[in-house]
Amino acid sequence: MPYFYFDYYYIILVVPVIIASLIIQSKLKSTYAKYSGVHNVKNLTGAQAAQMVLNYYGIYNVQIESTPGTLSDHYDPTKNVIRLSNGVYNSTSVAAIGVACHEAGHAAQHAQGYAPIKIRNTILPVCNIGSTLSMPLLLIGLVLSFEPLIWIGIGFFSFVSIFQLVTLPVEFNASKRALSVIESNGLLTFEEKQGAAKVLKMAAMTYVAALATSVAQLLRLILRYGGRRRQ
């Protein structure tokens, strides 16, 4: 079958981005580990810091809970709950304060109707469907040599890139909110804030890497399969 051959596009486009993503993931883990060992002089826990961010924005209907896992921290808008991992909830580390305040920043985005997060939530169901159906449709199109179905599969895959693109301003803004409250309320010293900022910056870079990976994959699919004609 003419569609199946050595994938040079994957080697040229995708592999370098995957390598860069692995490097970023490694740097995130090392940065997080470093500042997990640096404790703030005020002895604030992650949960307390997150509550202070909520109070700053006048949010009093969001609960803060502990959840298992490492870097499993997230805000659940359907339950109005910030879930902080065990290593963040009770920790007084600079890394924990940064992560906890970041998640509280997401709660503030929802409370204030931040436009990018509303857009992301609106397109999420479509993107989930697209990511689920894209590869099966593409493969069926290849097997049947039916080009319209191939393009439909590629189009569905593009929703992944769109979602990750919209996610970027959401994540960067949550970190900006977190650092702003940390500074204005004096939650951390200047040096401690710098450490928290480094952790959040590396975490944000993982989203950039995810977007780059999906765009590289999309470009690969277009170049390898999109321009084909039925033989």
C-alpha atoms as a PDB file:
ATOM      1  CA  MET A   1       0.000   0.000   0.000  1.00  0.00           C
ATOM      2  CA  PRO A   2       1.543   3.326  -1.067  1.00  0.00           C
ATOM      3  CA  TYR A   3       0.722   5.183   2.149  1.00  0.00           C
ATOM      4  CA  PHE A   4       3.007   3.083   4.323  1.00  0.00           C
ATOM      5  CA  TYR A   5       6.709   3.838   4.043  1.00  0.00           C
ATOM      6  CA  PHE A   6       9.549   5.016   6.221  1.00  0.00           C
ATOM      7  CA  ASP A   7       8.278   8.145   7.942  1.00  0.00           C
ATOM      8  CA  TYR A   8      10.913  10.791   7.288  1.00  0.00           C
ATOM      9  CA  TYR A   9       8.515  13.523   8.338  1.00  0.00           C
ATOM     10  CA  TYR A  10       8.241  11.989  11.803  1.00  0.00           C
ATOM     11  CA  ILE A  11      12.030  11.940  12.154  1.00  0.00           C
ATOM     12  CA  ILE A  12      12.473  15.480  10.864  1.00  0.00           C
ATOM     13  CA  LEU A  13       9.472  17.203  12.447  1.00  0.00           C
ATOM     14  CA  VAL A  14       8.305  15.279  15.487  1.00  0.00           C
ATOM     15  CA  VAL A  15      11.364  13.634  17.023  1.00  0.00           C
ATOM     16  CA  PRO A  16      13.245  16.928  17.696  1.00  0.00           C
ATOM     17  CA  VAL A  17      10.165  18.362  19.423  1.00  0.00           C
ATOM     18  CA  ILE A  18       9.734  15.224  21.524  1.00  0.00           C
ATOM     19  CA  ILE A  19      13.373  15.436  22.601  1.00  0.00           C
ATOM     20  CA  ALA A  20      12.895  19.092  23.534  1.00  0.00           C
ATOM     21  CA  SER A  21       9.754  18.158  25.487  1.00  0.00           C
ATOM     22  CA  LEU A  22      11.629  15.499  27.434  1.00  0.00           C
ATOM     23  CA  ILE A  23      14.347  18.029  28.276  1.00  0.00           C
ATOM     24  CA  ILE A  24      11.697  20.495  29.503  1.00  0.00           C
ATOM     25  CA  GLN A  25      10.024  17.794  31.591  1.00  0.00           C
ATOM     26  CA  SER A  26      13.378  16.924  33.128  1.00  0.00           C
ATOM     27  CA  LYS A  27      14.090  20.575  33.923  1.00  0.00           C
ATOM     28  CA  LEU A  28      10.664  20.977  35.479  1.00  0.00           C
ATOM     29  CA  LYS A  29      11.253  17.995  37.763  1.00  0.00           C
ATOM     30  CA  SER A  30      14.702  19.204  38.779  1.00  0.00           C
ATOM     31  CA  THR A  31      13.486  22.790  39.356  1.00  0.00           C
ATOM     32  CA  TYR A  32      10.497  21.555  41.348  1.00  0.00           C
ATOM     33  CA  ALA A  33      12.726  19.260  43.406  1.00  0.00           C
ATOM     34  CA  LYS A  34      15.173  22.088  44.083  1.00  0.00           C
ATOM     35  CA  TYR A  35      12.583  24.541  45.352  1.00  0.00           C
ATOM     36  CA  SER A  36      10.654  21.841  47.179  1.00  0.00           C
ATOM     37  CA  GLY A  37      13.629  21.859  49.519  1.00  0.00           C
ATOM     38  CA  VAL A  38      13.481  25.628  50.076  1.00  0.00           C
ATOM     39  CA  HIS A  39      10.953  26.588  52.772  1.00  0.00           C
ATOM     40  CA  ASN A  40       9.406  30.028  53.089  1.00  0.00           C
ATOM     41  CA  VAL A  41      10.280  32.109  56.120  1.00  0.00           C
ATOM     42  CA  LYS A  42       6.603  32.736  56.978  1.00  0.00           C
ATOM     43  CA  ASN A  43       6.004  28.995  57.234  1.00  0.00           C
ATOM     44  CA  LEU A  44       2.923  29.231  55.006  1.00  0.00           C
ATOM     45  CA  THR A  45       1.564  25.976  53.602  1.00  0.00           C
ATOM     46  CA  GLY A  46       0.362  25.569  50.053  1.00  0.00           C
ATOM     47  CA  ALA A  47      -3.244  25.354  51.233  1.00  0.00           C
ATOM     48  CA  GLN A  48      -2.917  28.572  53.240  1.00  0.00           C
ATOM     49  CA  ALA A  49      -1.328  30.405  50.313  1.00  0.00           C
ATOM     50  CA  ALA A  50      -4.079  29.264  47.939  1.00  0.00           C
ATOM     51  CA  GLN A  51      -6.694  30.506  50.425  1.00  0.00           C
ATOM     52  CA  MET A  52      -4.979  33.890  50.536  1.00  0.00           C
ATOM     53  CA  VAL A  53      -5.201  34.184  46.764  1.00  0.00           C
ATOM     54  CA  LEU A  54      -8.908  33.308  46.907  1.00  0.00           C
ATOM     55  CA  ASN A  55      -9.448  35.900  49.626  1.00  0.00           C
ATOM     56  CA  TYR A  56      -7.580  38.499  47.564  1.00  0.00           C
ATOM     57  CA  TYR A  57     -10.062  38.000  44.713  1.00  0.00           C
ATOM     58  CA  GLY A  58     -13.055  37.862  47.049  1.00  0.00           C
ATOM     59  CA  ILE A  59     -13.762  34.198  46.341  1.00  0.00           C
ATOM     60  CA  TYR A  60     -15.332  32.397  49.294  1.00  0.00           C
ATOM     61  CA  ASN A  61     -17.198  29.491  47.683  1.00  0.00           C
ATOM     62  CA  VAL A  62     -14.156  27.449  46.587  1.00  0.00           C
ATOM     63  CA  GLN A  63     -12.902  24.631  48.794  1.00  0.00           C
ATOM     64  CA  ILE A  64      -9.274  23.481  49.017  1.00  0.00           C
ATOM     65  CA  GLU A  65      -8.645  19.752  49.333  1.00  0.00           C
ATOM     66  CA  SER A  66      -5.690  17.386  49.393  1.00  0.00           C
ATOM     67  CA  THR A  67      -5.407  14.822  46.597  1.00  0.00           C
ATOM     68  CA  PRO A  68      -2.984  11.915  46.014  1.00  0.00           C
ATOM     69  CA  GLY A  69      -0.169  12.072  43.501  1.00  0.00           C
ATOM     70  CA  THR A  70       2.736  14.300  42.520  1.00  0.00           C
ATOM     71  CA  LEU A  71       2.034  17.486  40.536  1.00  0.00           C
ATOM     72  CA  SER A  72      -1.596  16.358  40.321  1.00  0.00           C
ATOM     73  CA  ASP A  73      -2.748  19.797  41.435  1.00  0.00           C
ATOM     74  CA  HIS A  74      -5.758  21.239  39.619  1.00  0.00           C
ATOM     75  CA  TYR A  75      -8.855  23.378  39.957  1.00  0.00           C
ATOM     76  CA  ASP A  76     -12.183  21.650  39.324  1.00  0.00           C
ATOM     77  CA  PRO A  77     -14.716  24.300  38.236  1.00  0.00           C
ATOM     78  CA  THR A  78     -17.580  21.783  38.247  1.00  0.00           C
ATOM     79  CA  LYS A  79     -17.177  21.225  41.991  1.00  0.00           C
ATOM     80  CA  ASN A  80     -15.594  24.576  42.943  1.00  0.00           C
ATOM     81  CA  VAL A  81     -12.654  22.736  44.468  1.00  0.00           C
ATOM     82  CA  ILE A  82      -8.910  23.293  44.318  1.00  0.00           C
ATOM     83  CA  ARG A  83      -7.189  19.943  44.721  1.00  0.00           C
ATOM     84  CA  LEU A  84      -3.585  20.133  45.860  1.00  0.00           C
ATOM     85  CA  SER A  85      -1.251  17.153  45.813  1.00  0.00           C
ATOM     86  CA  ASN A  86       0.111  15.817  49.088  1.00  0.00           C
ATOM     87  CA  GLY A  87       3.463  17.452  48.388  1.00  0.00           C
ATOM     88  CA  VAL A  88       1.808  20.869  48.030  1.00  0.00           C
ATOM     89  CA  TYR A  89      -1.160  20.993  50.402  1.00  0.00           C
ATOM     90  CA  ASN A  90       0.754  20.849  53.705  1.00  0.00           C
ATOM     91  CA  SER A  91       4.171  21.806  52.371  1.00  0.00           C
ATOM     92  CA  THR A  92       5.828  25.107  53.248  1.00  0.00           C
ATOM     93  CA  SER A  93       8.210  24.923  50.306  1.00  0.00           C
ATOM     94  CA  VAL A  94       8.593  27.737  47.801  1.00  0.00           C
ATOM     95  CA  ALA A  95       7.590  25.323  45.021  1.00  0.00           C
ATOM     96  CA  ALA A  96       4.386  24.399  46.863  1.00  0.00           C
ATOM     97  CA  ILE A  97       3.416  28.043  47.337  1.00  0.00           C
ATOM     98  CA  GLY A  98       3.898  28.751  43.626  1.00  0.00           C
ATOM     99  CA  VAL A  99       1.861  25.747  42.500  1.00  0.00           C
ATOM    100  CA  ALA A 100      -0.945  26.324  45.017  1.00  0.00           C
ATOM    101  CA  CYS A 101      -1.282  30.004  44.119  1.00  0.00           C
ATOM    102  CA  HIS A 102      -1.302  29.081  40.414  1.00  0.00           C
ATOM    103  CA  GLU A 103      -4.304  26.795  40.928  1.00  0.00           C
ATOM    104  CA  ALA A 104      -6.054  29.520  42.908  1.00  0.00           C
ATOM    105  CA  GLY A 105      -5.337  31.761  39.921  1.00  0.00           C
ATOM    106  CA  HIS A 106      -7.452  29.413  37.810  1.00  0.00           C
ATOM    107  CA  ALA A 107     -10.297  29.762  40.315  1.00  0.00           C
ATOM    108  CA  ALA A 108      -9.994  33.539  39.972  1.00  0.00           C
ATOM    109  CA  GLN A 109     -10.171  33.225  36.173  1.00  0.00           C
ATOM    110  CA  HIS A 110     -13.455  31.340  36.430  1.00  0.00           C
ATOM    111  CA  ALA A 111     -14.859  33.748  39.007  1.00  0.00           C
ATOM    112  CA  GLN A 112     -14.066  36.756  36.819  1.00  0.00           C
ATOM    113  CA  GLY A 113     -15.147  35.161  33.527  1.00  0.00           C
ATOM    114  CA  TYR A 114     -11.689  35.308  31.981  1.00  0.00           C
ATOM    115  CA  ALA A 115     -12.324  35.062  28.225  1.00  0.00           C
ATOM    116  CA  PRO A 116      -9.646  32.495  27.209  1.00  0.00           C
ATOM    117  CA  ILE A 117     -10.752  30.005  29.859  1.00  0.00           C
ATOM    118  CA  LYS A 118     -14.389  30.395  28.735  1.00  0.00           C
ATOM    119  CA  ILE A 119     -13.295  29.706  25.160  1.00  0.00           C
ATOM    120  CA  ARG A 120     -11.279  26.680  26.271  1.00  0.00           C
ATOM    121  CA  ASN A 121     -14.196  25.233  28.220  1.00  0.00           C
ATOM    122  CA  THR A 122     -16.535  25.816  25.271  1.00  0.00           C
ATOM    123  CA  ILE A 123     -14.366  23.976  22.745  1.00  0.00           C
ATOM    124  CA  LEU A 124     -13.269  21.210  25.134  1.00  0.00           C
ATOM    125  CA  PRO A 125     -16.056  18.723  24.211  1.00  0.00           C
ATOM    126  CA  VAL A 126     -15.382  19.174  20.483  1.00  0.00           C
ATOM    127  CA  CYS A 127     -11.640  18.786  21.034  1.00  0.00           C
ATOM    128  CA  ASN A 128     -12.168  15.596  23.043  1.00  0.00           C
ATOM    129  CA  ILE A 129     -14.246  14.136  20.226  1.00  0.00           C
ATOM    130  CA  GLY A 130     -11.669  15.244  17.670  1.00  0.00           C
ATOM    131  CA  SER A 131      -8.732  13.694  19.526  1.00  0.00           C
ATOM    132  CA  THR A 132     -10.667  10.421  19.899  1.00  0.00           C
ATOM    133  CA  LEU A 133     -11.832  10.108  16.285  1.00  0.00           C
ATOM    134  CA  SER A 134      -8.896  11.613  14.374  1.00  0.00           C
ATOM    135  CA  MET A 135      -6.604   8.580  14.174  1.00  0.00           C
ATOM    136  CA  PRO A 136      -9.327   5.957  13.513  1.00  0.00           C
ATOM    137  CA  LEU A 137     -10.768   8.086  10.698  1.00  0.00           C
ATOM    138  CA  LEU A 138      -7.331   8.716   9.236  1.00  0.00           C
ATOM    139  CA  LEU A 139      -6.433   5.019   9.301  1.00  0.00           C
ATOM    140  CA  ILE A 140      -9.756   3.992   7.758  1.00  0.00           C
ATOM    141  CA  GLY A 141      -9.248   6.596   5.049  1.00  0.00           C
ATOM    142  CA  LEU A 142      -5.779   5.212   4.335  1.00  0.00           C
ATOM    143  CA  VAL A 143      -6.967   1.612   4.200  1.00  0.00           C
ATOM    144  CA  LEU A 144      -9.838   2.533   1.863  1.00  0.00           C
ATOM    145  CA  SER A 145      -7.701   5.040  -0.085  1.00  0.00           C
ATOM    146  CA  PHE A 146     -10.519   7.522   0.491  1.00  0.00           C
ATOM    147  CA  GLU A 147      -8.942  10.990   0.613  1.00  0.00           C
ATOM    148  CA  PRO A 148     -11.926  12.954   2.027  1.00  0.00           C
ATOM    149  CA  LEU A 149     -11.901  10.709   5.102  1.00  0.00           C
ATOM    150  CA  ILE A 150      -8.157  11.261   5.476  1.00  0.00           C
ATOM    151  CA  TRP A 151      -8.728  15.011   5.489  1.00  0.00           C
ATOM    152  CA  ILE A 152     -11.552  14.681   8.002  1.00  0.00           C
ATOM    153  CA  GLY A 153      -9.192  12.736  10.290  1.00  0.00           C
ATOM    154  CA  ILE A 154      -6.511  15.407   9.908  1.00  0.00           C
ATOM    155  CA  GLY A 155      -9.102  18.107  10.561  1.00  0.00           C
ATOM    156  CA  PHE A 156     -10.205  16.414  13.781  1.00  0.00           C
ATOM    157  CA  PHE A 157      -6.565  16.154  14.877  1.00  0.00           C
ATOM    158  CA  SER A 158      -6.181  19.910  14.406  1.00  0.00           C
ATOM    159  CA  PHE A 159      -8.618  20.394  17.301  1.00  0.00           C
ATOM    160  CA  VAL A 160      -5.867  19.129  19.620  1.00  0.00           C
ATOM    161  CA  SER A 161      -3.560  21.923  18.518  1.00  0.00           C
ATOM    162  CA  ILE A 162      -6.350  24.489  18.786  1.00  0.00           C
ATOM    163  CA  PHE A 163      -7.125  23.427  22.353  1.00  0.00           C
ATOM    164  CA  GLN A 164      -3.473  23.575  23.376  1.00  0.00           C
ATOM    165  CA  LEU A 165      -3.093  26.979  21.741  1.00  0.00           C
ATOM    166  CA  VAL A 166      -6.034  28.353  23.727  1.00  0.00           C
ATOM    167  CA  THR A 167      -4.609  26.750  26.882  1.00  0.00           C
ATOM    168  CA  LEU A 168      -1.402  28.813  26.740  1.00  0.00           C
ATOM    169  CA  PRO A 169      -2.868  32.196  27.760  1.00  0.00           C
ATOM    170  CA  VAL A 170      -4.906  30.449  30.461  1.00  0.00           C
ATOM    171  CA  GLU A 171      -1.811  28.927  32.069  1.00  0.00           C
ATOM    172  CA  PHE A 172       0.386  32.006  31.704  1.00  0.00           C
ATOM    173  CA  ASN A 173      -2.336  34.237  33.148  1.00  0.00           C
ATOM    174  CA  ALA A 174      -2.878  31.941  36.147  1.00  0.00           C
ATOM    175  CA  SER A 175       0.841  32.150  36.941  1.00  0.00           C
ATOM    176  CA  LYS A 176       0.800  35.921  36.482  1.00  0.00           C
ATOM    177  CA  ARG A 177      -2.091  36.208  38.930  1.00  0.00           C
ATOM    178  CA  ALA A 178      -0.319  33.934  41.407  1.00  0.00           C
ATOM    179  CA  LEU A 179       2.939  35.875  41.361  1.00  0.00           C
ATOM    180  CA  SER A 180       1.115  39.190  41.562  1.00  0.00           C
ATOM    181  CA  VAL A 181      -0.712  38.173  44.751  1.00  0.00           C
ATOM    182  CA  ILE A 182       2.444  36.631  46.192  1.00  0.00           C
ATOM    183  CA  GLU A 183       4.226  39.946  45.709  1.00  0.00           C
ATOM    184  CA  SER A 184       1.442  42.322  46.719  1.00  0.00           C
ATOM    185  CA  ASN A 185       0.574  40.346  49.864  1.00  0.00           C
ATOM    186  CA  GLY A 186       4.171  39.600  50.759  1.00  0.00           C
ATOM    187  CA  LEU A 187       3.618  35.843  50.916  1.00  0.00           C
ATOM    188  CA  LEU A 188       7.240  35.209  49.959  1.00  0.00           C
ATOM    189  CA  THR A 189      10.463  37.168  50.164  1.00  0.00           C
ATOM    190  CA  PHE A 190      11.951  38.477  46.928  1.00  0.00           C
ATOM    191  CA  GLU A 191      14.354  35.519  46.662  1.00  0.00           C
ATOM    192  CA  GLU A 192      11.602  33.034  47.468  1.00  0.00           C
ATOM    193  CA  LYS A 193       9.311  34.597  44.869  1.00  0.00           C
ATOM    194  CA  GLN A 194      12.057  34.226  42.271  1.00  0.00           C
ATOM    195  CA  GLY A 195      12.190  30.509  43.039  1.00  0.00           C
ATOM    196  CA  ALA A 196       8.419  30.145  42.752  1.00  0.00           C
ATOM    197  CA  ALA A 197       8.532  32.024  39.441  1.00  0.00           C
ATOM    198  CA  LYS A 198      11.118  29.586  38.084  1.00  0.00           C
ATOM    199  CA  VAL A 199       8.917  26.621  38.972  1.00  0.00           C
ATOM    200  CA  LEU A 200       5.880  28.189  37.297  1.00  0.00           C
ATOM    201  CA  LYS A 201       7.902  29.172  34.235  1.00  0.00           C
ATOM    202  CA  MET A 202       9.103  25.596  33.701  1.00  0.00           C
ATOM    203  CA  ALA A 203       5.560  24.302  34.233  1.00  0.00           C
ATOM    204  CA  ALA A 204       4.295  26.751  31.595  1.00  0.00           C
ATOM    205  CA  MET A 205       6.979  25.582  29.179  1.00  0.00           C
ATOM    206  CA  THR A 206       5.509  22.074  29.279  1.00  0.00           C
ATOM    207  CA  TYR A 207       2.337  23.508  27.721  1.00  0.00           C
ATOM    208  CA  VAL A 208       4.414  25.236  25.054  1.00  0.00           C
ATOM    209  CA  ALA A 209       6.129  21.911  24.357  1.00  0.00           C
ATOM    210  CA  ALA A 210       2.774  20.131  24.119  1.00  0.00           C
ATOM    211  CA  LEU A 211       1.557  22.679  21.587  1.00  0.00           C
ATOM    212  CA  ALA A 212       4.769  22.366  19.562  1.00  0.00           C
ATOM    213  CA  THR A 213       4.437  18.578  19.553  1.00  0.00           C
ATOM    214  CA  SER A 214       0.831  18.622  18.353  1.00  0.00           C
ATOM    215  CA  VAL A 215       1.606  21.199  15.644  1.00  0.00           C
ATOM    216  CA  ALA A 216       4.565  19.111  14.470  1.00  0.00           C
ATOM    217  CA  GLN A 217       2.336  16.034  14.348  1.00  0.00           C
ATOM    218  CA  LEU A 218      -0.343  17.954  12.450  1.00  0.00           C
ATOM    219  CA  LEU A 219       2.170  19.246   9.909  1.00  0.00           C
ATOM    220  CA  ARG A 220       3.532  15.720   9.508  1.00  0.00           C
ATOM    221  CA  LEU A 221       0.055  14.327   8.810  1.00  0.00           C
ATOM    222  CA  ILE A 222      -0.660  17.051   6.255  1.00  0.00           C
ATOM    223  CA  LEU A 223       2.667  16.598   4.443  1.00  0.00           C
ATOM    224  CA  ARG A 224       2.609  12.818   4.484  1.00  0.00           C
ATOM    225  CA  TYR A 225      -1.040  12.061   3.802  1.00  0.00           C
ATOM    226  CA  GLY A 226      -2.917  15.264   2.980  1.00  0.00           C
ATOM    227  CA  GLY A 227      -1.548  15.823  -0.494  1.00  0.00           C
ATOM    228  CA  ARG A 228      -2.061  12.252  -1.664  1.00  0.00           C
ATOM    229  CA  ARG A 229      -4.327  11.350  -4.517  1.00  0.00           C
ATOM    230  CA  ARG A 230      -6.123   8.101  -4.842  1.00  0.00           C
ATOM    231  CA  GLN A 231      -4.130   5.799  -7.068  1.00  0.00           C
END
